[in-house]
Amino acid sequence: MKIDGSSQVPIYMQIGSQLRDHILKGTIKPNDKMPSIRKLAAELEVNPNTVKKSYRFLEKQKLLKSDSTKGTFVTNEIEWLLESKIQDSFETITLETKELKKMGVSLDSILERIEKKWKIL
């Protein structure tokens, strides 16, 4: 993971976002045990409170769950969360597509632009 100290994004959110990406991509799997707060803080050379805040950020998103005696684990709810994210994204796409259609933009033009973006991602 990379931390950008000059970024406007707080470090805990940078860590949380990168961990979320790994979880949603399956690099970190459901029920996997996360590194201890102190261990990850040492690896990233950040304050343990920053990692703790990142873990709490992911717990609020239901991606992690903590057990005070066993540690922090990835939840089993990943598929549901991913489907929820897809649904939210399609709602946004639908609203934007309606606006483009009202403006006279053709479906072919929209699809062409989406395909170009998809290829460079």
PDB file of N, CA and C in Angstrom:
ATOM      1  N   MET A   1       0.842  -1.171   0.000  1.00  0.00           N
ATOM      2  CA  MET A   1       0.000   0.000   0.000  1.00  0.00           C
ATOM      3  C   MET A   1       0.891   1.239   0.000  1.00  0.00           C
ATOM      4  N   LYS A   2       0.362   2.262  -0.647  1.00  0.00           N
ATOM      5  CA  LYS A   2       1.116   3.503  -0.742  1.00  0.00           C
ATOM      6  C   LYS A   2       0.355   4.624  -0.052  1.00  0.00           C
ATOM      7  N   ILE A   3       1.073   5.384   0.739  1.00  0.00           N
ATOM      8  CA  ILE A   3       0.511   6.519   1.437  1.00  0.00           C
ATOM      9  C   ILE A   3       1.109   7.777   0.825  1.00  0.00           C
ATOM     10  N   ASP A   4       0.244   8.716   0.474  1.00  0.00           N
ATOM     11  CA  ASP A   4       0.678   9.989  -0.091  1.00  0.00           C
ATOM     12  C   ASP A   4       0.511  11.070   0.971  1.00  0.00           C
ATOM     13  N   GLY A   5       1.620  11.425   1.606  1.00  0.00           N
ATOM     14  CA  GLY A   5       1.589  12.418   2.670  1.00  0.00           C
ATOM     15  C   GLY A   5       1.191  13.809   2.211  1.00  0.00           C
ATOM     16  N   SER A   6       1.311  14.078   0.910  1.00  0.00           N
ATOM     17  CA  SER A   6       0.967  15.401   0.396  1.00  0.00           C
ATOM     18  C   SER A   6      -0.482  15.465  -0.112  1.00  0.00           C
ATOM     19  N   SER A   7      -1.186  14.338  -0.049  1.00  0.00           N
ATOM     20  CA  SER A   7      -2.569  14.276  -0.531  1.00  0.00           C
ATOM     21  C   SER A   7      -3.513  15.025   0.411  1.00  0.00           C
ATOM     22  N   GLN A   8      -4.597  15.542  -0.156  1.00  0.00           N
ATOM     23  CA  GLN A   8      -5.654  16.172   0.638  1.00  0.00           C
ATOM     24  C   GLN A   8      -6.488  15.114   1.371  1.00  0.00           C
ATOM     25  N   VAL A   9      -6.398  13.863   0.902  1.00  0.00           N
ATOM     26  CA  VAL A   9      -7.158  12.764   1.503  1.00  0.00           C
ATOM     27  C   VAL A   9      -6.443  12.329   2.784  1.00  0.00           C
ATOM     28  N   PRO A  10      -7.160  12.286   3.913  1.00  0.00           N
ATOM     29  CA  PRO A  10      -6.523  11.861   5.167  1.00  0.00           C
ATOM     30  C   PRO A  10      -5.911  10.463   5.037  1.00  0.00           C
ATOM     31  N   ILE A  11      -4.833  10.254   5.756  1.00  0.00           N
ATOM     32  CA  ILE A  11      -4.101   8.982   5.664  1.00  0.00           C
ATOM     33  C   ILE A  11      -4.996   7.797   6.021  1.00  0.00           C
ATOM     34  N   TYR A  12      -5.835   7.934   7.046  1.00  0.00           N
ATOM     35  CA  TYR A  12      -6.685   6.806   7.427  1.00  0.00           C
ATOM     36  C   TYR A  12      -7.627   6.423   6.285  1.00  0.00           C
ATOM     37  N   MET A  13      -8.080   7.419   5.514  1.00  0.00           N
ATOM     38  CA  MET A  13      -8.970   7.127   4.387  1.00  0.00           C
ATOM     39  C   MET A  13      -8.191   6.514   3.229  1.00  0.00           C
ATOM     40  N   GLN A  14      -6.948   6.940   3.035  1.00  0.00           N
ATOM     41  CA  GLN A  14      -6.118   6.325   2.000  1.00  0.00           C
ATOM     42  C   GLN A  14      -5.926   4.840   2.309  1.00  0.00           C
ATOM     43  N   ILE A  15      -5.616   4.550   3.559  1.00  0.00           N
ATOM     44  CA  ILE A  15      -5.427   3.147   3.971  1.00  0.00           C
ATOM     45  C   ILE A  15      -6.748   2.385   3.827  1.00  0.00           C
ATOM     46  N   GLY A  16      -7.820   2.963   4.341  1.00  0.00           N
ATOM     47  CA  GLY A  16      -9.127   2.313   4.275  1.00  0.00           C
ATOM     48  C   GLY A  16      -9.575   2.052   2.853  1.00  0.00           C
ATOM     49  N   SER A  17      -9.368   3.018   1.972  1.00  0.00           N
ATOM     50  CA  SER A  17      -9.773   2.856   0.567  1.00  0.00           C
ATOM     51  C   SER A  17      -8.976   1.766  -0.122  1.00  0.00           C
ATOM     52  N   GLN A  18      -7.681   1.718   0.150  1.00  0.00           N
ATOM     53  CA  GLN A  18      -6.862   0.677  -0.465  1.00  0.00           C
ATOM     54  C   GLN A  18      -7.223  -0.707   0.062  1.00  0.00           C
ATOM     55  N   LEU A  19      -7.475  -0.802   1.358  1.00  0.00           N
ATOM     56  CA  LEU A  19      -7.907  -2.082   1.921  1.00  0.00           C
ATOM     57  C   LEU A  19      -9.258  -2.492   1.349  1.00  0.00           C
ATOM     58  N   ARG A  20     -10.196  -1.530   1.245  1.00  0.00           N
ATOM     59  CA  ARG A  20     -11.514  -1.815   0.666  1.00  0.00           C
ATOM     60  C   ARG A  20     -11.372  -2.345  -0.751  1.00  0.00           C
ATOM     61  N   ASP A  21     -10.500  -1.727  -1.546  1.00  0.00           N
ATOM     62  CA  ASP A  21     -10.277  -2.193  -2.915  1.00  0.00           C
ATOM     63  C   ASP A  21      -9.774  -3.637  -2.929  1.00  0.00           C
ATOM     64  N   HIS A  22      -8.837  -3.950  -2.043  1.00  0.00           N
ATOM     65  CA  HIS A  22      -8.309  -5.324  -1.971  1.00  0.00           C
ATOM     66  C   HIS A  22      -9.401  -6.316  -1.562  1.00  0.00           C
ATOM     67  N   ILE A  23     -10.258  -5.898  -0.643  1.00  0.00           N
ATOM     68  CA  ILE A  23     -11.352  -6.770  -0.194  1.00  0.00           C
ATOM     69  C   ILE A  23     -12.355  -6.985  -1.322  1.00  0.00           C
ATOM     70  N   LEU A  24     -12.764  -5.914  -1.978  1.00  0.00           N
ATOM     71  CA  LEU A  24     -13.769  -6.035  -3.038  1.00  0.00           C
ATOM     72  C   LEU A  24     -13.242  -6.772  -4.261  1.00  0.00           C
ATOM     73  N   LYS A  25     -11.932  -6.689  -4.516  1.00  0.00           N
ATOM     74  CA  LYS A  25     -11.332  -7.413  -5.641  1.00  0.00           C
ATOM     75  C   LYS A  25     -11.053  -8.868  -5.292  1.00  0.00           C
ATOM     76  N   GLY A  26     -11.131  -9.207  -4.008  1.00  0.00           N
ATOM     77  CA  GLY A  26     -10.890 -10.588  -3.595  1.00  0.00           C
ATOM     78  C   GLY A  26      -9.456 -10.888  -3.245  1.00  0.00           C
ATOM     79  N   THR A  27      -8.587  -9.881  -3.264  1.00  0.00           N
ATOM     80  CA  THR A  27      -7.194 -10.080  -2.850  1.00  0.00           C
ATOM     81  C   THR A  27      -7.147 -10.443  -1.372  1.00  0.00           C
ATOM     82  N   ILE A  28      -8.002  -9.784  -0.603  1.00  0.00           N
ATOM     83  CA  ILE A  28      -8.225 -10.137   0.797  1.00  0.00           C
ATOM     84  C   ILE A  28      -9.617 -10.750   0.834  1.00  0.00           C
ATOM     85  N   LYS A  29      -9.713 -11.972   1.305  1.00  0.00           N
ATOM     86  CA  LYS A  29     -10.947 -12.751   1.190  1.00  0.00           C
ATOM     87  C   LYS A  29     -11.809 -12.709   2.459  1.00  0.00           C
ATOM     88  N   PRO A  30     -13.110 -13.025   2.302  1.00  0.00           N
ATOM     89  CA  PRO A  30     -13.977 -13.110   3.480  1.00  0.00           C
ATOM     90  C   PRO A  30     -13.385 -14.049   4.524  1.00  0.00           C
ATOM     91  N   ASN A  31     -13.512 -13.642   5.767  1.00  0.00           N
ATOM     92  CA  ASN A  31     -13.013 -14.376   6.944  1.00  0.00           C
ATOM     93  C   ASN A  31     -11.500 -14.306   7.120  1.00  0.00           C
ATOM     94  N   ASP A  32     -10.768 -13.658   6.208  1.00  0.00           N
ATOM     95  CA  ASP A  32      -9.329 -13.481   6.410  1.00  0.00           C
ATOM     96  C   ASP A  32      -9.094 -12.618   7.637  1.00  0.00           C
ATOM     97  N   LYS A  33      -8.068 -12.965   8.381  1.00  0.00           N
ATOM     98  CA  LYS A  33      -7.685 -12.152   9.532  1.00  0.00           C
ATOM     99  C   LYS A  33      -6.810 -11.007   9.037  1.00  0.00           C
ATOM    100  N   MET A  34      -7.129  -9.816   9.487  1.00  0.00           N
ATOM    101  CA  MET A  34      -6.357  -8.634   9.130  1.00  0.00           C
ATOM    102  C   MET A  34      -5.126  -8.544  10.032  1.00  0.00           C
ATOM    103  N   PRO A  35      -4.080  -7.876   9.548  1.00  0.00           N
ATOM    104  CA  PRO A  35      -2.910  -7.676  10.422  1.00  0.00           C
ATOM    105  C   PRO A  35      -3.324  -6.877  11.661  1.00  0.00           C
ATOM    106  N   SER A  36      -2.612  -7.085  12.740  1.00  0.00           N
ATOM    107  CA  SER A  36      -2.912  -6.298  13.937  1.00  0.00           C
ATOM    108  C   SER A  36      -2.681  -4.820  13.621  1.00  0.00           C
ATOM    109  N   ILE A  37      -3.321  -3.978  14.391  1.00  0.00           N
ATOM    110  CA  ILE A  37      -3.190  -2.536  14.190  1.00  0.00           C
ATOM    111  C   ILE A  37      -1.734  -2.118  14.310  1.00  0.00           C
ATOM    112  N   ARG A  38      -1.059  -2.613  15.322  1.00  0.00           N
ATOM    113  CA  ARG A  38       0.355  -2.242  15.521  1.00  0.00           C
ATOM    114  C   ARG A  38       1.241  -2.741  14.381  1.00  0.00           C
ATOM    115  N   LYS A  39       0.984  -3.952  13.926  1.00  0.00           N
ATOM    116  CA  LYS A  39       1.803  -4.508  12.841  1.00  0.00           C
ATOM    117  C   LYS A  39       1.625  -3.702  11.558  1.00  0.00           C
ATOM    118  N   LEU A  40       0.380  -3.422  11.177  1.00  0.00           N
ATOM    119  CA  LEU A  40       0.135  -2.657   9.951  1.00  0.00           C
ATOM    120  C   LEU A  40       0.677  -1.235  10.082  1.00  0.00           C
ATOM    121  N   ALA A  41       0.524  -0.647  11.265  1.00  0.00           N
ATOM    122  CA  ALA A  41       1.057   0.703  11.489  1.00  0.00           C
ATOM    123  C   ALA A  41       2.575   0.713  11.315  1.00  0.00           C
ATOM    124  N   ALA A  42       3.246  -0.306  11.829  1.00  0.00           N
ATOM    125  CA  ALA A  42       4.703  -0.386  11.683  1.00  0.00           C
ATOM    126  C   ALA A  42       5.096  -0.555  10.215  1.00  0.00           C
ATOM    127  N   GLU A  43       4.373  -1.408   9.493  1.00  0.00           N
ATOM    128  CA  GLU A  43       4.664  -1.632   8.066  1.00  0.00           C
ATOM    129  C   GLU A  43       4.478  -0.357   7.255  1.00  0.00           C
ATOM    130  N   LEU A  44       3.438   0.404   7.569  1.00  0.00           N
ATOM    131  CA  LEU A  44       3.124   1.614   6.814  1.00  0.00           C
ATOM    132  C   LEU A  44       3.811   2.856   7.372  1.00  0.00           C
ATOM    133  N   GLU A  45       4.459   2.681   8.509  1.00  0.00           N
ATOM    134  CA  GLU A  45       5.143   3.780   9.192  1.00  0.00           C
ATOM    135  C   GLU A  45       4.180   4.925   9.512  1.00  0.00           C
ATOM    136  N   VAL A  46       3.042   4.541  10.105  1.00  0.00           N
ATOM    137  CA  VAL A  46       2.051   5.518  10.539  1.00  0.00           C
ATOM    138  C   VAL A  46       1.705   5.233  11.997  1.00  0.00           C
ATOM    139  N   ASN A  47       1.024   6.168  12.615  1.00  0.00           N
ATOM    140  CA  ASN A  47       0.589   6.025  13.988  1.00  0.00           C
ATOM    141  C   ASN A  47      -0.461   4.908  14.086  1.00  0.00           C
ATOM    142  N   PRO A  48      -0.389   4.050  15.103  1.00  0.00           N
ATOM    143  CA  PRO A  48      -1.403   2.993  15.267  1.00  0.00           C
ATOM    144  C   PRO A  48      -2.836   3.528  15.307  1.00  0.00           C
ATOM    145  N   ASN A  49      -3.024   4.734  15.848  1.00  0.00           N
ATOM    146  CA  ASN A  49      -4.369   5.307  15.878  1.00  0.00           C
ATOM    147  C   ASN A  49      -4.913   5.549  14.474  1.00  0.00           C
ATOM    148  N   THR A  50      -4.023   5.814  13.522  1.00  0.00           N
ATOM    149  CA  THR A  50      -4.436   6.022  12.134  1.00  0.00           C
ATOM    150  C   THR A  50      -4.980   4.720  11.552  1.00  0.00           C
ATOM    151  N   VAL A  51      -4.280   3.617  11.803  1.00  0.00           N
ATOM    152  CA  VAL A  51      -4.750   2.309  11.320  1.00  0.00           C
ATOM    153  C   VAL A  51      -6.047   1.929  12.030  1.00  0.00           C
ATOM    154  N   LYS A  52      -6.120   2.200  13.321  1.00  0.00           N
ATOM    155  CA  LYS A  52      -7.343   1.903  14.069  1.00  0.00           C
ATOM    156  C   LYS A  52      -8.529   2.654  13.458  1.00  0.00           C
ATOM    157  N   LYS A  53      -8.309   3.908  13.088  1.00  0.00           N
ATOM    158  CA  LYS A  53      -9.359   4.710  12.465  1.00  0.00           C
ATOM    159  C   LYS A  53      -9.741   4.127  11.102  1.00  0.00           C
ATOM    160  N   SER A  54      -8.759   3.617  10.354  1.00  0.00           N
ATOM    161  CA  SER A  54      -9.030   2.975   9.058  1.00  0.00           C
ATOM    162  C   SER A  54      -9.880   1.735   9.242  1.00  0.00           C
ATOM    163  N   TYR A  55      -9.550   0.934  10.243  1.00  0.00           N
ATOM    164  CA  TYR A  55     -10.329  -0.268  10.509  1.00  0.00           C
ATOM    165  C   TYR A  55     -11.762   0.097  10.900  1.00  0.00           C
ATOM    166  N   ARG A  56     -11.920   1.132  11.724  1.00  0.00           N
ATOM    167  CA  ARG A  56     -13.269   1.570  12.099  1.00  0.00           C
ATOM    168  C   ARG A  56     -14.045   2.053  10.878  1.00  0.00           C
ATOM    169  N   PHE A  57     -13.363   2.765   9.985  1.00  0.00           N
ATOM    170  CA  PHE A  57     -13.948   3.235   8.726  1.00  0.00           C
ATOM    171  C   PHE A  57     -14.509   2.047   7.938  1.00  0.00           C
ATOM    172  N   LEU A  58     -13.758   0.950   7.889  1.00  0.00           N
ATOM    173  CA  LEU A  58     -14.193  -0.250   7.157  1.00  0.00           C
ATOM    174  C   LEU A  58     -15.253  -1.042   7.925  1.00  0.00           C
ATOM    175  N   GLU A  59     -15.218  -0.972   9.234  1.00  0.00           N
ATOM    176  CA  GLU A  59     -16.269  -1.617  10.030  1.00  0.00           C
ATOM    177  C   GLU A  59     -17.614  -0.939   9.785  1.00  0.00           C
ATOM    178  N   LYS A  60     -17.613   0.379   9.667  1.00  0.00           N
ATOM    179  CA  LYS A  60     -18.853   1.108   9.394  1.00  0.00           C
ATOM    180  C   LYS A  60     -19.421   0.734   8.028  1.00  0.00           C
ATOM    181  N   GLN A  61     -18.535   0.346   7.106  1.00  0.00           N
ATOM    182  CA  GLN A  61     -18.974  -0.086   5.775  1.00  0.00           C
ATOM    183  C   GLN A  61     -19.296  -1.577   5.753  1.00  0.00           C
ATOM    184  N   LYS A  62     -19.219  -2.215   6.906  1.00  0.00           N
ATOM    185  CA  LYS A  62     -19.495  -3.645   7.079  1.00  0.00           C
ATOM    186  C   LYS A  62     -18.538  -4.541   6.290  1.00  0.00           C
ATOM    187  N   LEU A  63     -17.317  -4.062   6.105  1.00  0.00           N
ATOM    188  CA  LEU A  63     -16.301  -4.857   5.430  1.00  0.00           C
ATOM    189  C   LEU A  63     -15.423  -5.608   6.433  1.00  0.00           C
ATOM    190  N   LEU A  64     -15.281  -5.046   7.623  1.00  0.00           N
ATOM    191  CA  LEU A  64     -14.494  -5.686   8.674  1.00  0.00           C
ATOM    192  C   LEU A  64     -15.350  -5.856   9.918  1.00  0.00           C
ATOM    193  N   LYS A  65     -14.966  -6.841  10.713  1.00  0.00           N
ATOM    194  CA  LYS A  65     -15.584  -7.010  12.036  1.00  0.00           C
ATOM    195  C   LYS A  65     -14.458  -7.309  13.018  1.00  0.00           C
ATOM    196  N   SER A  66     -14.575  -6.727  14.202  1.00  0.00           N
ATOM    197  CA  SER A  66     -13.537  -6.898  15.218  1.00  0.00           C
ATOM    198  C   SER A  66     -14.035  -7.783  16.342  1.00  0.00           C
ATOM    199  N   ASP A  67     -13.140  -8.624  16.796  1.00  0.00           N
ATOM    200  CA  ASP A  67     -13.382  -9.443  17.980  1.00  0.00           C
ATOM    201  C   ASP A  67     -12.243  -9.105  18.931  1.00  0.00           C
ATOM    202  N   SER A  68     -12.587  -8.575  20.083  1.00  0.00           N
ATOM    203  CA  SER A  68     -11.562  -8.064  20.990  1.00  0.00           C
ATOM    204  C   SER A  68     -10.522  -9.106  21.405  1.00  0.00           C
ATOM    205  N   THR A  69     -10.862 -10.380  21.340  1.00  0.00           N
ATOM    206  CA  THR A  69      -9.906 -11.411  21.747  1.00  0.00           C
ATOM    207  C   THR A  69      -9.206 -12.088  20.568  1.00  0.00           C
ATOM    208  N   LYS A  70      -9.840 -12.098  19.401  1.00  0.00           N
ATOM    209  CA  LYS A  70      -9.280 -12.834  18.258  1.00  0.00           C
ATOM    210  C   LYS A  70      -8.660 -11.945  17.192  1.00  0.00           C
ATOM    211  N   GLY A  71      -9.091 -10.691  17.096  1.00  0.00           N
ATOM    212  CA  GLY A  71      -8.550  -9.790  16.090  1.00  0.00           C
ATOM    213  C   GLY A  71      -9.628  -9.235  15.180  1.00  0.00           C
ATOM    214  N   THR A  72      -9.196  -8.718  14.043  1.00  0.00           N
ATOM    215  CA  THR A  72     -10.103  -8.110  13.076  1.00  0.00           C
ATOM    216  C   THR A  72     -10.149  -8.978  11.826  1.00  0.00           C
ATOM    217  N   PHE A  73     -11.365  -9.209  11.325  1.00  0.00           N
ATOM    218  CA  PHE A  73     -11.566 -10.111  10.197  1.00  0.00           C
ATOM    219  C   PHE A  73     -12.410  -9.450   9.112  1.00  0.00           C
ATOM    220  N   VAL A  74     -12.225  -9.923   7.879  1.00  0.00           N
ATOM    221  CA  VAL A  74     -13.077  -9.499   6.770  1.00  0.00           C
ATOM    222  C   VAL A  74     -14.421 -10.202   6.950  1.00  0.00           C
ATOM    223  N   THR A  75     -15.502  -9.473   6.729  1.00  0.00           N
ATOM    224  CA  THR A  75     -16.838 -10.047   6.911  1.00  0.00           C
ATOM    225  C   THR A  75     -17.209 -10.975   5.752  1.00  0.00           C
ATOM    226  N   ASN A  76     -18.315 -11.677   5.931  1.00  0.00           N
ATOM    227  CA  ASN A  76     -18.854 -12.555   4.890  1.00  0.00           C
ATOM    228  C   ASN A  76     -19.788 -11.809   3.956  1.00  0.00           C
ATOM    229  N   GLU A  77     -20.034 -10.550   4.229  1.00  0.00           N
ATOM    230  CA  GLU A  77     -21.050  -9.795   3.506  1.00  0.00           C
ATOM    231  C   GLU A  77     -20.535  -9.133   2.231  1.00  0.00           C
ATOM    232  N   ILE A  78     -19.395  -9.548   1.749  1.00  0.00           N
ATOM    233  CA  ILE A  78     -18.757  -8.885   0.619  1.00  0.00           C
ATOM    234  C   ILE A  78     -19.633  -8.948  -0.634  1.00  0.00           C
ATOM    235  N   GLU A  79     -20.178 -10.106  -0.941  1.00  0.00           N
ATOM    236  CA  GLU A  79     -21.001 -10.228  -2.153  1.00  0.00           C
ATOM    237  C   GLU A  79     -22.208  -9.300  -2.099  1.00  0.00           C
ATOM    238  N   TRP A  80     -22.856  -9.237  -0.941  1.00  0.00           N
ATOM    239  CA  TRP A  80     -24.004  -8.348  -0.786  1.00  0.00           C
ATOM    240  C   TRP A  80     -23.575  -6.894  -0.952  1.00  0.00           C
ATOM    241  N   LEU A  81     -22.438  -6.531  -0.350  1.00  0.00           N
ATOM    242  CA  LEU A  81     -21.952  -5.155  -0.443  1.00  0.00           C
ATOM    243  C   LEU A  81     -21.569  -4.797  -1.871  1.00  0.00           C
ATOM    244  N   LEU A  82     -20.956  -5.733  -2.566  1.00  0.00           N
ATOM    245  CA  LEU A  82     -20.571  -5.489  -3.956  1.00  0.00           C
ATOM    246  C   LEU A  82     -21.815  -5.314  -4.824  1.00  0.00           C
ATOM    247  N   GLU A  83     -22.806  -6.152  -4.619  1.00  0.00           N
ATOM    248  CA  GLU A  83     -24.056  -6.024  -5.378  1.00  0.00           C
ATOM    249  C   GLU A  83     -24.740  -4.690  -5.071  1.00  0.00           C
ATOM    250  N   SER A  84     -24.688  -4.287  -3.820  1.00  0.00           N
ATOM    251  CA  SER A  84     -25.268  -3.008  -3.425  1.00  0.00           C
ATOM    252  C   SER A  84     -24.545  -1.857  -4.118  1.00  0.00           C
ATOM    253  N   LYS A  85     -23.231  -1.929  -4.205  1.00  0.00           N
ATOM    254  CA  LYS A  85     -22.442  -0.896  -4.883  1.00  0.00           C
ATOM    255  C   LYS A  85     -22.786  -0.859  -6.368  1.00  0.00           C
ATOM    256  N   ILE A  86     -22.923  -2.019  -6.978  1.00  0.00           N
ATOM    257  CA  ILE A  86     -23.292  -2.082  -8.398  1.00  0.00           C
ATOM    258  C   ILE A  86     -24.667  -1.448  -8.606  1.00  0.00           C
ATOM    259  N   GLN A  87     -25.614  -1.782  -7.741  1.00  0.00           N
ATOM    260  CA  GLN A  87     -26.963  -1.227  -7.851  1.00  0.00           C
ATOM    261  C   GLN A  87     -26.946   0.291  -7.717  1.00  0.00           C
ATOM    262  N   ASP A  88     -26.214   0.804  -6.737  1.00  0.00           N
ATOM    263  CA  ASP A  88     -26.092   2.253  -6.552  1.00  0.00           C
ATOM    264  C   ASP A  88     -25.487   2.915  -7.784  1.00  0.00           C
ATOM    265  N   SER A  89     -24.467   2.278  -8.337  1.00  0.00           N
ATOM    266  CA  SER A  89     -23.810   2.825  -9.526  1.00  0.00           C
ATOM    267  C   SER A  89     -24.769   2.865 -10.712  1.00  0.00           C
ATOM    268  N   PHE A  90     -25.551   1.821 -10.881  1.00  0.00           N
ATOM    269  CA  PHE A  90     -26.492   1.794 -11.999  1.00  0.00           C
ATOM    270  C   PHE A  90     -27.604   2.830 -11.838  1.00  0.00           C
ATOM    271  N   GLU A  91     -27.967   3.119 -10.606  1.00  0.00           N
ATOM    272  CA  GLU A  91     -28.954   4.181 -10.388  1.00  0.00           C
ATOM    273  C   GLU A  91     -28.382   5.521 -10.838  1.00  0.00           C
ATOM    274  N   THR A  92     -27.121   5.769 -10.518  1.00  0.00           N
ATOM    275  CA  THR A  92     -26.457   6.995 -10.952  1.00  0.00           C
ATOM    276  C   THR A  92     -26.334   7.030 -12.469  1.00  0.00           C
ATOM    277  N   ILE A  93     -25.933   5.916 -13.051  1.00  0.00           N
ATOM    278  CA  ILE A  93     -25.800   5.831 -14.507  1.00  0.00           C
ATOM    279  C   ILE A  93     -27.146   6.092 -15.179  1.00  0.00           C
ATOM    280  N   THR A  94     -28.216   5.538 -14.621  1.00  0.00           N
ATOM    281  CA  THR A  94     -29.551   5.728 -15.188  1.00  0.00           C
ATOM    282  C   THR A  94     -29.936   7.205 -15.196  1.00  0.00           C
ATOM    283  N   LEU A  95     -29.704   7.877 -14.084  1.00  0.00           N
ATOM    284  CA  LEU A  95     -30.034   9.309 -14.008  1.00  0.00           C
ATOM    285  C   LEU A  95     -29.239  10.119 -15.029  1.00  0.00           C
ATOM    286  N   GLU A  96     -27.959   9.836 -15.122  1.00  0.00           N
ATOM    287  CA  GLU A  96     -27.104  10.575 -16.057  1.00  0.00           C
ATOM    288  C   GLU A  96     -27.472  10.253 -17.510  1.00  0.00           C
ATOM    289  N   THR A  97     -27.792   9.008 -17.766  1.00  0.00           N
ATOM    290  CA  THR A  97     -28.169   8.609 -19.120  1.00  0.00           C
ATOM    291  C   THR A  97     -29.456   9.297 -19.551  1.00  0.00           C
ATOM    292  N   LYS A  98     -30.418   9.416 -18.635  1.00  0.00           N
ATOM    293  CA  LYS A  98     -31.669  10.125 -18.943  1.00  0.00           C
ATOM    294  C   LYS A  98     -31.376  11.566 -19.359  1.00  0.00           C
ATOM    295  N   GLU A  99     -30.481  12.211 -18.625  1.00  0.00           N
ATOM    296  CA  GLU A  99     -30.120  13.590 -18.950  1.00  0.00           C
ATOM    297  C   GLU A  99     -29.468  13.683 -20.325  1.00  0.00           C
ATOM    298  N   LEU A 100     -28.553  12.764 -20.613  1.00  0.00           N
ATOM    299  CA  LEU A 100     -27.886  12.773 -21.913  1.00  0.00           C
ATOM    300  C   LEU A 100     -28.886  12.519 -23.047  1.00  0.00           C
ATOM    301  N   LYS A 101     -29.834  11.610 -22.807  1.00  0.00           N
ATOM    302  CA  LYS A 101     -30.851  11.318 -23.818  1.00  0.00           C
ATOM    303  C   LYS A 101     -31.702  12.552 -24.088  1.00  0.00           C
ATOM    304  N   LYS A 102     -32.085  13.262 -23.022  1.00  0.00           N
ATOM    305  CA  LYS A 102     -32.864  14.488 -23.184  1.00  0.00           C
ATOM    306  C   LYS A 102     -32.100  15.528 -24.002  1.00  0.00           C
ATOM    307  N   MET A 103     -30.774  15.510 -23.880  1.00  0.00           N
ATOM    308  CA  MET A 103     -29.939  16.473 -24.596  1.00  0.00           C
ATOM    309  C   MET A 103     -29.679  16.042 -26.040  1.00  0.00           C
ATOM    310  N   GLY A 104     -30.169  14.853 -26.393  1.00  0.00           N
ATOM    311  CA  GLY A 104     -30.028  14.385 -27.767  1.00  0.00           C
ATOM    312  C   GLY A 104     -28.776  13.577 -28.047  1.00  0.00           C
ATOM    313  N   VAL A 105     -28.067  13.184 -27.003  1.00  0.00           N
ATOM    314  CA  VAL A 105     -26.868  12.369 -27.197  1.00  0.00           C
ATOM    315  C   VAL A 105     -27.305  10.946 -27.540  1.00  0.00           C
ATOM    316  N   SER A 106     -26.702  10.379 -28.573  1.00  0.00           N
ATOM    317  CA  SER A 106     -27.111   9.044 -29.023  1.00  0.00           C
ATOM    318  C   SER A 106     -26.558   7.942 -28.117  1.00  0.00           C
ATOM    319  N   LEU A 107     -27.263   6.824 -28.099  1.00  0.00           N
ATOM    320  CA  LEU A 107     -26.824   5.662 -27.336  1.00  0.00           C
ATOM    321  C   LEU A 107     -25.454   5.199 -27.823  1.00  0.00           C
ATOM    322  N   ASP A 108     -25.250   5.195 -29.144  1.00  0.00           N
ATOM    323  CA  ASP A 108     -23.956   4.782 -29.694  1.00  0.00           C
ATOM    324  C   ASP A 108     -22.822   5.659 -29.165  1.00  0.00           C
ATOM    325  N   SER A 109     -23.065   6.944 -29.086  1.00  0.00           N
ATOM    326  CA  SER A 109     -22.055   7.870 -28.585  1.00  0.00           C
ATOM    327  C   SER A 109     -21.731   7.592 -27.113  1.00  0.00           C
ATOM    328  N   ILE A 110     -22.771   7.350 -26.337  1.00  0.00           N
ATOM    329  CA  ILE A 110     -22.573   7.049 -24.916  1.00  0.00           C
ATOM    330  C   ILE A 110     -21.781   5.757 -24.754  1.00  0.00           C
ATOM    331  N   LEU A 111     -22.198   4.713 -25.462  1.00  0.00           N
ATOM    332  CA  LEU A 111     -21.526   3.416 -25.350  1.00  0.00           C
ATOM    333  C   LEU A 111     -20.081   3.484 -25.819  1.00  0.00           C
ATOM    334  N   GLU A 112     -19.842   4.248 -26.865  1.00  0.00           N
ATOM    335  CA  GLU A 112     -18.484   4.402 -27.379  1.00  0.00           C
ATOM    336  C   GLU A 112     -17.573   5.034 -26.321  1.00  0.00           C
ATOM    337  N   ARG A 113     -18.084   6.056 -25.666  1.00  0.00           N
ATOM    338  CA  ARG A 113     -17.291   6.728 -24.635  1.00  0.00           C
ATOM    339  C   ARG A 113     -17.073   5.831 -23.417  1.00  0.00           C
ATOM    340  N   ILE A 114     -18.089   5.097 -23.032  1.00  0.00           N
ATOM    341  CA  ILE A 114     -17.948   4.170 -21.907  1.00  0.00           C
ATOM    342  C   ILE A 114     -16.902   3.111 -22.241  1.00  0.00           C
ATOM    343  N   GLU A 115     -16.975   2.583 -23.450  1.00  0.00           N
ATOM    344  CA  GLU A 115     -16.016   1.554 -23.861  1.00  0.00           C
ATOM    345  C   GLU A 115     -14.586   2.094 -23.841  1.00  0.00           C
ATOM    346  N   LYS A 116     -14.390   3.309 -24.311  1.00  0.00           N
ATOM    347  CA  LYS A 116     -13.051   3.917 -24.288  1.00  0.00           C
ATOM    348  C   LYS A 116     -12.536   4.034 -22.861  1.00  0.00           C
ATOM    349  N   LYS A 117     -13.400   4.504 -21.964  1.00  0.00           N
ATOM    350  CA  LYS A 117     -13.004   4.634 -20.549  1.00  0.00           C
ATOM    351  C   LYS A 117     -12.689   3.285 -19.939  1.00  0.00           C
ATOM    352  N   TRP A 118     -13.531   2.300 -20.252  1.00  0.00           N
ATOM    353  CA  TRP A 118     -13.359   0.952 -19.715  1.00  0.00           C
ATOM    354  C   TRP A 118     -11.984   0.392 -20.091  1.00  0.00           C
ATOM    355  N   LYS A 119     -11.584   0.621 -21.332  1.00  0.00           N
ATOM    356  CA  LYS A 119     -10.319   0.085 -21.835  1.00  0.00           C
ATOM    357  C   LYS A 119      -9.106   0.717 -21.149  1.00  0.00           C
ATOM    358  N   ILE A 120      -9.229   1.973 -20.736  1.00  0.00           N
ATOM    359  CA  ILE A 120      -8.065   2.621 -20.121  1.00  0.00           C
ATOM    360  C   ILE A 120      -8.020   2.438 -18.604  1.00  0.00           C
ATOM    361  N   LEU A 121      -9.075   1.894 -18.021  1.00  0.00           N
ATOM    362  CA  LEU A 121      -9.087   1.683 -16.566  1.00  0.00           C
ATOM    363  C   LEU A 121      -8.244   0.501 -16.154  1.00  0.00           C
TER     364      LEU A 121
END
